Protein backbone atom coordinates (compact mmCIF):
# COMPACT_ATOMS: atom_id res chain seq x y z
CA MET A 1 -24.81 -30.99 21.22
CA THR A 2 -27.35 -29.08 19.15
CA SER A 3 -24.62 -26.87 17.74
CA LEU A 4 -22.52 -29.90 16.81
CA VAL A 5 -25.41 -31.53 14.94
CA HIS A 6 -26.00 -28.27 13.09
CA LEU A 7 -22.30 -28.13 12.20
CA ALA A 8 -22.42 -31.72 10.95
CA SER A 9 -25.18 -30.76 8.52
CA ARG A 10 -22.80 -28.17 7.10
CA VAL A 11 -19.98 -30.70 6.63
CA TYR A 12 -21.58 -33.88 5.32
CA GLY A 13 -23.28 -34.00 1.92
CA THR A 14 -22.49 -30.32 1.24
CA PRO A 15 -19.99 -28.98 -1.32
CA LEU A 16 -17.14 -27.29 0.53
CA LEU A 17 -14.24 -25.06 -0.44
CA ILE A 18 -11.78 -26.63 2.00
CA ALA A 19 -8.46 -28.47 1.86
CA ARG A 20 -8.93 -32.23 2.13
CA ALA A 21 -6.47 -32.60 5.02
CA LYS A 22 -8.45 -30.15 7.13
CA LEU A 23 -11.71 -31.87 6.23
CA ASP A 24 -10.35 -35.19 7.49
CA THR A 25 -9.39 -33.52 10.75
CA LEU A 26 -12.85 -32.05 11.15
CA LEU A 27 -14.44 -35.44 10.55
CA ALA A 28 -12.14 -37.07 13.08
CA VAL A 29 -13.16 -34.59 15.77
CA LEU A 30 -16.82 -34.14 14.89
CA GLY A 31 -17.69 -37.74 14.00
CA PRO A 32 -17.58 -39.47 17.39
CA ARG A 33 -19.41 -36.57 19.05
CA ILE A 34 -22.49 -37.13 16.91
CA GLY A 35 -22.20 -40.91 16.52
CA LEU A 36 -21.17 -41.01 12.86
CA VAL A 37 -17.60 -42.36 13.11
CA SER A 38 -16.04 -44.82 15.51
CA ALA A 39 -13.97 -43.14 18.20
CA GLU A 40 -11.15 -45.65 17.63
CA LEU A 41 -10.60 -44.24 14.12
CA THR A 42 -10.45 -40.61 15.12
CA LEU A 43 -7.46 -38.35 15.53
CA PRO A 44 -7.09 -36.23 18.66
CA MET A 45 -7.19 -32.48 18.13
CA THR A 46 -6.74 -29.69 20.64
CA VAL A 47 -8.19 -26.35 19.66
CA PRO A 48 -5.54 -23.74 20.53
CA PRO A 49 -6.63 -20.62 22.38
CA PRO A 50 -7.27 -17.61 20.17
CA GLU A 51 -4.12 -15.65 19.43
CA ALA A 52 -3.87 -11.97 20.16
CA PRO A 53 -4.00 -9.97 16.93
CA PRO A 54 -0.58 -8.67 15.86
CA SER A 55 0.13 -5.05 16.52
CA SER A 56 -0.06 -2.81 13.49
CA PRO A 57 1.57 0.53 12.72
CA PRO A 58 -0.66 3.59 12.66
CA GLY A 59 -2.88 3.74 9.60
CA ILE A 60 -3.03 -0.01 8.89
CA ALA A 61 -5.95 -2.19 10.03
CA ILE A 62 -4.99 -5.88 10.37
CA ILE A 63 -7.98 -8.20 9.96
CA PRO A 64 -7.29 -11.79 11.17
CA ILE A 65 -8.85 -14.55 9.04
CA HIS A 66 -7.92 -17.74 10.87
CA GLY A 67 -9.33 -21.25 11.06
CA THR A 68 -12.23 -22.85 9.24
CA LEU A 69 -14.48 -20.40 7.39
CA VAL A 70 -18.26 -20.41 7.66
CA ARG A 71 -21.02 -18.03 6.66
CA ARG A 72 -22.06 -17.61 10.32
CA THR A 73 -20.54 -18.95 13.52
CA VAL A 74 -23.93 -19.72 15.16
CA GLY A 75 -22.49 -19.02 18.59
CA LEU A 76 -19.41 -21.25 18.30
CA GLU A 77 -17.13 -18.26 17.62
CA ALA A 78 -13.35 -18.37 17.43
CA GLU A 79 -12.96 -20.70 20.44
CA SER A 80 -14.07 -23.51 18.12
CA GLY A 81 -11.61 -22.52 15.41
CA LEU A 82 -14.21 -20.84 13.18
CA THR A 83 -14.25 -17.47 11.46
CA SER A 84 -17.40 -16.20 9.78
CA TYR A 85 -17.72 -14.28 6.53
CA THR A 86 -20.13 -11.91 8.25
CA ARG A 87 -17.51 -10.97 10.86
CA ILE A 88 -14.84 -10.42 8.20
CA ALA A 89 -17.22 -8.21 6.21
CA ALA A 90 -18.06 -6.21 9.33
CA ASP A 91 -14.37 -5.69 10.12
CA ILE A 92 -13.71 -4.46 6.58
CA ASP A 93 -16.65 -2.06 6.70
CA ALA A 94 -15.41 -0.66 10.01
CA ALA A 95 -11.91 -0.14 8.61
CA ILE A 96 -13.27 1.63 5.54
CA ALA A 97 -15.38 3.93 7.71
CA ASN A 98 -12.48 4.74 10.07
CA PRO A 99 -10.70 7.90 8.86
CA ALA A 100 -7.57 6.90 10.80
CA VAL A 101 -7.16 3.78 8.64
CA ALA A 102 -5.24 4.24 5.40
CA GLY A 103 -4.96 0.58 4.38
CA ILE A 104 -6.22 -2.91 5.25
CA LEU A 105 -4.06 -6.04 5.62
CA LEU A 106 -5.80 -9.43 5.64
CA ASP A 107 -3.83 -11.81 7.89
CA ILE A 108 -4.92 -15.21 6.52
CA ASP A 109 -4.26 -18.65 8.00
CA SER A 110 -7.13 -20.82 6.86
CA PRO A 111 -7.70 -24.16 5.11
CA GLY A 112 -11.00 -22.90 3.70
CA GLY A 113 -14.56 -23.79 4.59
CA GLU A 114 -18.07 -23.21 3.35
CA ALA A 115 -18.83 -22.13 -0.18
CA GLY A 116 -21.91 -20.12 0.73
CA GLY A 117 -21.03 -16.42 1.05
CA VAL A 118 -17.35 -16.57 0.14
CA PHE A 119 -17.66 -15.14 -3.38
CA GLU A 120 -19.84 -12.30 -2.15
CA LEU A 121 -17.18 -11.53 0.46
CA GLY A 122 -14.51 -11.56 -2.25
CA ALA A 123 -16.48 -9.05 -4.32
CA ARG A 124 -16.90 -6.90 -1.21
CA ILE A 125 -13.14 -6.89 -0.59
CA ARG A 126 -12.39 -5.87 -4.17
CA ALA A 127 -14.96 -3.06 -3.94
CA ALA A 128 -13.38 -1.90 -0.65
CA SER A 129 -9.97 -1.67 -2.35
CA LYS A 130 -11.34 1.17 -4.48
CA SER A 131 -11.62 3.23 -1.28
CA LYS A 132 -8.51 2.03 0.56
CA PRO A 133 -5.68 -0.34 -0.43
CA VAL A 134 -6.26 -3.96 0.63
CA TRP A 135 -3.37 -6.46 0.83
CA ALA A 136 -3.40 -10.10 1.94
CA HIS A 137 -0.71 -12.25 3.54
CA ALA A 138 -0.74 -16.02 4.03
CA GLY A 139 1.46 -16.77 7.01
CA ASP A 140 0.75 -20.50 6.87
CA SER A 141 -2.06 -21.27 4.46
CA ALA A 142 -4.71 -19.64 2.33
CA PHE A 143 -6.36 -22.68 0.78
CA SER A 144 -9.66 -23.06 -1.05
CA ALA A 145 -12.14 -20.55 0.46
CA GLY A 146 -9.17 -18.92 2.23
CA TYR A 147 -7.60 -18.27 -1.15
CA ALA A 148 -10.93 -17.09 -2.58
CA ILE A 149 -10.66 -14.30 0.00
CA ALA A 150 -6.93 -13.68 -0.45
CA CYS A 151 -7.05 -13.36 -4.25
CA ALA A 152 -9.59 -10.54 -3.93
CA ALA A 153 -6.89 -8.32 -2.39
CA GLN A 154 -4.75 -6.07 -4.56
CA ARG A 155 -1.53 -7.82 -3.50
CA VAL A 156 -0.99 -11.33 -2.12
CA THR A 157 2.16 -12.40 -0.28
CA LEU A 158 2.98 -15.58 1.58
CA ALA A 159 5.67 -16.81 3.94
CA ARG A 160 8.45 -19.06 2.67
CA THR A 161 6.67 -22.02 4.27
CA GLY A 162 3.19 -20.71 3.45
CA GLY A 163 0.89 -22.09 0.81
CA VAL A 164 -2.01 -21.00 -1.39
CA GLY A 165 -4.29 -22.69 -3.88
CA SER A 166 -6.55 -25.72 -3.50
CA ILE A 167 -8.88 -24.14 -6.04
CA GLY A 168 -11.49 -26.87 -6.02
CA VAL A 169 -14.71 -28.13 -4.45
CA ILE A 170 -15.30 -31.29 -2.40
CA ALA A 171 -18.30 -33.02 -0.80
CA LEU A 172 -18.48 -36.11 1.38
CA HIS A 173 -21.34 -38.51 1.95
CA ILE A 174 -21.47 -40.73 5.02
CA ASP A 175 -23.45 -43.97 4.69
CA GLN A 176 -24.15 -45.21 8.19
CA SER A 177 -26.93 -47.64 7.25
CA VAL A 178 -24.77 -50.66 8.14
CA ARG A 179 -23.88 -49.15 11.51
CA ASN A 180 -27.57 -48.46 12.15
CA ALA A 181 -28.35 -52.12 11.47
CA GLN A 182 -25.59 -53.22 13.85
CA ASN A 183 -27.11 -51.02 16.51
CA GLY A 184 -30.61 -52.33 15.80
CA LEU A 185 -31.78 -49.11 14.17
CA SER A 186 -33.96 -48.85 11.09
CA VAL A 187 -34.59 -45.36 9.71
CA THR A 188 -37.52 -44.77 7.38
CA ALA A 189 -37.91 -41.45 5.57
CA LEU A 190 -41.27 -40.25 4.35
CA TYR A 191 -41.05 -37.42 1.85
CA ALA A 192 -42.59 -35.74 -1.18
CA GLY A 193 -40.43 -34.83 -4.15
CA VAL A 194 -38.00 -37.22 -5.81
CA HIS A 195 -34.86 -35.48 -4.57
CA LYS A 196 -36.06 -34.64 -1.05
CA ASN A 197 -34.19 -37.56 0.51
CA ASP A 198 -31.06 -37.33 -1.62
CA ALA A 199 -27.73 -37.84 0.20
CA THR A 200 -29.32 -39.13 3.39
CA PRO A 201 -26.70 -40.73 5.67
CA HIS A 202 -29.11 -43.53 6.52
CA ALA A 203 -28.93 -45.13 3.06
CA PRO A 204 -26.38 -45.62 0.28
CA LEU A 205 -26.05 -42.71 -2.14
CA THR A 206 -28.41 -43.25 -5.07
CA PRO A 207 -27.34 -42.55 -8.68
CA GLN A 208 -29.74 -39.63 -8.93
CA ALA A 209 -28.40 -38.16 -5.69
CA THR A 210 -24.83 -38.62 -6.96
CA ASP A 211 -25.62 -36.79 -10.18
CA ALA A 212 -27.33 -33.92 -8.35
CA LEU A 213 -24.45 -33.49 -5.90
CA GLN A 214 -21.84 -33.67 -8.67
CA SER A 215 -23.75 -31.08 -10.71
CA GLU A 216 -23.67 -28.64 -7.80
CA ILE A 217 -19.96 -29.31 -7.26
CA ASP A 218 -19.24 -28.54 -10.92
CA ARG A 219 -21.28 -25.34 -10.74
CA LEU A 220 -19.42 -24.09 -7.68
CA TYR A 221 -16.12 -25.06 -9.24
CA GLY A 222 -16.91 -22.90 -12.28
CA LEU A 223 -17.71 -19.97 -9.98
CA PHE A 224 -14.46 -20.51 -8.09
CA VAL A 225 -12.33 -20.66 -11.24
CA ASP A 226 -13.94 -17.55 -12.72
CA HIS A 227 -13.53 -15.71 -9.41
CA VAL A 228 -9.80 -16.41 -9.19
CA ALA A 229 -9.26 -15.66 -12.88
CA ALA A 230 -10.99 -12.28 -12.58
CA MET A 231 -9.30 -11.26 -9.34
CA ARG A 232 -5.77 -12.31 -10.36
CA GLY A 233 -6.00 -11.43 -14.04
CA LEU A 234 -5.37 -15.03 -15.10
CA ASP A 235 -6.81 -17.15 -17.87
CA ALA A 236 -9.59 -19.45 -16.64
CA ASP A 237 -7.96 -22.45 -18.32
CA ALA A 238 -4.74 -21.73 -16.43
CA VAL A 239 -6.65 -21.71 -13.15
CA ARG A 240 -8.33 -25.00 -13.99
CA ALA A 241 -4.95 -26.45 -14.90
CA THR A 242 -3.87 -26.12 -11.26
CA GLU A 243 -6.23 -29.05 -10.57
CA ALA A 244 -6.79 -27.85 -6.99
CA ALA A 245 -3.11 -28.36 -6.17
CA LEU A 246 -1.35 -26.61 -3.28
CA PHE A 247 1.41 -24.12 -4.14
CA PHE A 248 4.09 -23.05 -1.68
CA GLY A 249 6.65 -20.25 -1.63
CA GLU A 250 8.10 -19.24 -4.98
CA ASP A 251 6.00 -21.86 -6.80
CA ALA A 252 2.90 -19.87 -5.86
CA VAL A 253 4.44 -16.73 -7.36
CA ALA A 254 5.44 -18.60 -10.54
CA ALA A 255 1.86 -19.88 -10.92
CA GLY A 256 0.51 -16.34 -10.66
CA LEU A 257 -1.36 -17.04 -7.44
CA ALA A 258 0.81 -14.70 -5.32
CA ASP A 259 2.90 -11.58 -5.82
CA GLY A 260 5.80 -12.19 -3.48
CA VAL A 261 7.36 -14.25 -0.69
CA ALA A 262 7.91 -12.40 2.59
CA SER A 263 7.42 -12.68 6.32
CA PHE A 264 4.42 -11.03 7.91
CA ASP A 265 6.57 -8.24 9.37
CA ALA A 266 8.21 -7.60 5.99
CA ALA A 267 4.85 -7.53 4.23
CA LEU A 268 3.54 -5.12 6.87
CA ALA A 269 6.57 -2.85 6.45
CA ASP A 270 6.23 -2.87 2.66
CA PHE A 271 2.56 -1.98 3.00
CA GLY A 272 3.43 0.95 5.24
CA ILE A 273 5.99 2.23 2.72
CA SER A 274 3.44 1.89 -0.08
CA LEU A 275 0.86 3.88 1.87
CA ARG A 276 3.29 6.73 2.48
CA GLY A 277 3.59 7.16 -1.28
CA PRO A 278 6.56 8.43 -3.32
CA SER A 279 9.34 10.42 -1.73
CA PRO A 280 8.71 14.18 -1.55
CA LEU A 281 12.13 14.73 -3.16
CA SER A 282 11.11 14.26 -6.76
CA THR A 283 13.58 14.45 -9.61
CA THR A 284 10.91 15.77 -11.96
CA PRO A 285 11.57 19.42 -12.83
CA LEU A 286 8.99 21.71 -11.28
CA ALA A 287 6.97 24.07 -13.43
CA LEU A 288 8.06 27.68 -13.04
CA PRO A 289 5.38 29.79 -11.32
CA THR A 290 3.87 32.63 -13.29
CA ARG A 291 5.38 35.27 -11.04
CA LEU A 292 8.84 33.94 -11.93
CA ALA A 293 8.37 34.46 -15.67
CA LEU A 294 11.65 35.69 -17.07
CA PRO A 295 11.52 39.32 -18.28
CA THR A 296 12.72 40.30 -21.70
CA PRO A 297 15.78 42.62 -21.98
CA THR A 298 13.52 45.61 -22.81
CA GLU A 299 11.69 45.12 -19.52
CA ILE A 300 14.86 45.63 -17.46
CA PRO A 301 15.34 49.38 -16.96
CA MET A 302 18.85 49.13 -15.61
CA THR A 303 21.78 46.78 -15.30
CA LEU A 304 23.54 46.61 -11.99
CA PRO A 305 26.90 44.92 -11.51
CA THR A 306 27.07 41.82 -9.29
CA GLU A 307 29.23 41.90 -6.23
CA ALA A 308 32.71 41.10 -7.43
CA ALA A 309 35.57 39.41 -5.62
CA PRO A 310 37.81 41.68 -3.47
CA ALA A 311 39.08 44.51 -5.70
CA GLN A 312 42.67 44.38 -6.90
CA PRO A 313 44.89 47.45 -6.35
CA THR A 314 44.45 49.99 -9.08
CA THR A 315 46.15 53.27 -9.94
CA THR A 316 42.90 55.06 -10.73
CA ALA A 317 40.72 56.09 -7.80
CA ALA A 318 37.05 55.30 -8.30
CA PRO A 319 34.62 58.20 -7.87
CA PRO A 320 31.92 58.01 -5.14
CA VAL A 321 29.00 55.76 -6.10
CA ALA A 322 25.38 56.48 -5.31
CA ALA A 323 23.80 53.58 -3.45
CA PRO A 324 19.99 53.23 -3.55
CA THR A 325 18.01 52.91 -0.34
CA VAL A 326 14.75 50.90 -0.50
CA THR A 327 12.05 49.96 1.94
CA GLN A 328 13.33 46.34 1.96
CA PRO A 329 16.87 45.44 3.10
CA PRO A 330 19.30 47.09 0.66
CA ILE A 331 20.53 45.12 -2.32
CA ALA A 332 24.30 45.22 -2.57
CA PRO A 333 25.87 46.33 -5.89
CA LEU A 334 25.84 43.48 -8.40
CA ALA A 335 28.28 43.13 -11.27
CA ALA A 336 27.04 42.14 -14.71
CA PRO A 337 28.64 39.05 -16.25
CA ALA A 338 31.55 39.74 -18.55
CA THR A 339 30.04 37.69 -21.37
CA THR A 340 26.65 36.21 -22.17
CA THR A 341 28.02 32.68 -22.35
CA ALA A 342 29.68 31.55 -19.14
CA PRO A 343 31.77 28.43 -18.84
CA PRO A 344 30.26 25.40 -17.02
CA VAL A 345 29.52 26.20 -13.39
CA ASP A 346 29.81 23.82 -10.47
CA ALA A 347 26.29 22.96 -9.21
CA GLN A 348 27.14 23.48 -5.56
CA ALA A 349 28.89 26.78 -6.22
CA GLU A 350 25.99 27.99 -8.34
CA ALA A 351 23.54 27.11 -5.56
CA VAL A 352 25.63 29.11 -3.10
CA ALA A 353 25.68 32.04 -5.53
CA ILE A 354 21.89 31.94 -5.88
CA ALA A 355 21.51 31.85 -2.11
CA GLU A 356 23.78 34.91 -1.84
CA LEU A 357 21.79 36.84 -4.45
CA CYS A 358 18.52 36.12 -2.63
CA LEU A 359 20.03 37.15 0.68
CA LEU A 360 21.43 40.38 -0.78
CA ALA A 361 18.02 41.12 -2.32
CA GLY A 362 16.32 40.73 1.05
CA CYS A 363 14.31 37.65 0.06
CA PRO A 364 16.26 34.57 1.24
CA GLU A 365 13.03 32.57 1.38
CA ARG A 366 12.96 32.47 -2.44
CA THR A 367 16.20 30.49 -2.64
CA THR A 368 14.39 27.15 -2.48
CA GLU A 369 11.93 28.34 -5.13
CA PHE A 370 14.70 29.23 -7.59
CA LEU A 371 16.63 26.01 -6.95
CA ALA A 372 13.49 23.88 -7.45
CA ALA A 373 12.87 25.67 -10.77
CA ARG A 374 16.50 24.93 -11.77
CA MET A 375 17.23 28.54 -12.68
CA SER A 376 20.72 29.75 -13.41
CA VAL A 377 22.46 32.56 -11.55
CA ALA A 378 21.86 34.91 -14.48
CA GLN A 379 18.14 34.14 -14.54
CA VAL A 380 17.82 34.66 -10.81
CA ARG A 381 19.65 37.99 -11.12
CA GLN A 382 17.21 39.15 -13.82
CA VAL A 383 14.17 38.20 -11.76
CA LEU A 384 15.50 40.02 -8.69
CA LEU A 385 16.37 43.12 -10.72
CA GLN A 386 12.90 43.19 -12.21
CA ALA A 387 11.36 42.75 -8.75
CA ARG A 388 13.32 45.73 -7.48
CA ALA A 389 12.43 47.82 -10.52
CA ASP A 390 8.74 47.14 -9.83
CA GLN A 391 8.93 48.54 -6.30
CA ILE A 392 6.88 51.69 -5.80
CA GLU A 393 8.55 53.51 -2.93
CA ILE A 394 12.21 54.10 -3.66
CA ALA A 395 14.38 56.82 -2.12
CA SER A 396 18.06 57.45 -2.78
CA HIS A 397 20.89 59.69 -1.65
CA HIS A 398 24.56 60.12 -2.47
CA LEU A 399 27.06 58.70 -0.08
CA THR A 400 29.83 60.93 1.22
CA GLU A 401 33.50 60.08 1.22
CA ALA A 402 33.08 58.38 4.60
CA ALA A 403 30.08 56.30 3.48
CA PRO A 404 32.03 53.11 2.71
CA ALA A 405 33.49 53.03 6.20
CA ALA A 406 30.07 53.54 7.78
CA ALA A 407 28.55 50.77 5.69
CA ALA A 408 31.27 48.41 6.83
CA THR A 409 30.34 48.90 10.46
CA THR A 410 26.67 48.03 9.89
CA VAL A 411 27.09 44.96 7.71
CA ASN A 412 24.46 42.26 8.21
CA PRO A 413 25.99 39.31 10.14
CA VAL A 414 24.10 36.78 7.94
CA LEU A 415 25.43 38.48 4.80
CA ASP A 416 28.94 38.51 6.28
CA ALA A 417 28.70 34.76 6.88
CA VAL A 418 27.60 34.13 3.29
CA ARG A 419 30.47 36.25 1.97
CA LYS A 420 32.97 34.29 4.04
CA ARG A 421 31.58 31.02 2.68
CA ILE A 422 31.82 32.32 -0.89
CA ALA A 423 35.42 33.45 -0.27
CA SER A 424 36.31 29.93 0.95
CA THR A 425 34.47 28.23 -1.96
CA PRO A 426 35.44 29.96 -5.21
CA LEU A 427 32.72 29.94 -7.83
CA GLN A 428 33.65 28.46 -11.15
CA GLY A 429 32.72 30.55 -14.16
CA ALA A 430 31.65 33.57 -12.08
């Protein structure tokens, strides 16, 4: 009973950031328990059991913000349908401190609640978003103080049947002086200070009490409007023009109060994709590393021919050719291009040719590097020739007449596979 009386003091005669429909429900339930409203006029309400928090993918912390919002729960906790700003702040701090958490999703289903503490919580959420992304989703409602929290997130989504808004302030005064008289009660207040007894429920609201309460409502309303305008990047006059209305679905997006309409699962999936960042396959050309700087013609001491297609029969016998032997796998003879300007080359065929050159040069791991740098076959050939010219230990010997046959028996199986692929896919412009 003590807790209920304390809760009543936070409902009656106090400016609230709460949807009017929810306030009426609270009054219907709370009133008869503390003797303020006749039980015959109340509406039944069953507090549902607390729902299990939805499961989240790795890296995303889901913070539930459900029910009526208060600064502190004073022991009533979630079983009474209350969520405190202190608990929400603690959950956010824990998520920020957890290195396994990459982003925070606020799961909001609230009609609003107390004004005290909500704007400080909103500022705390916006500050937290500088460390880790914070999104908010309204599955059913994010009204009044609930929206003051939601708008502080970097992105706000709502379900097709969900609503946001109710950017306003309300206060109720209960005059039970007539009921006291019917029950034979007479309450006398002794006080010092003109406004000490303002808004007492045991007497009609005086003009001075009305003015004082309305002044505080207007002040809080100004704070609320400025808060939403700053968080959502809206003009304050546009926020005031909503006149505390409720906005649902696409209307909320059109009013600038939300960024999209989606289910909770879809919003969660989109958040996960956003956290993973852009695809690693970027279309932006990569900068060429320094060690791949193209040499000038004077820096190339020799020109070797590329490996040509199978030789056609000829009437002139070719003399024996000296093949160099290096410490790395031998580089097969390469034939120089016939002209400096080659016709357009098929991209796939050119990639295969570059892969073959790297394999023949004994450095197949550099294929990806050359392809990422978008180098042509001629450029790759120059780089590989320069790399071989820079080698320190080089030994050579002349092959005998039988050398070609011996080389054929020791061909590298990987190289043989590449040659077969090249033979089946003719290169254009080679």
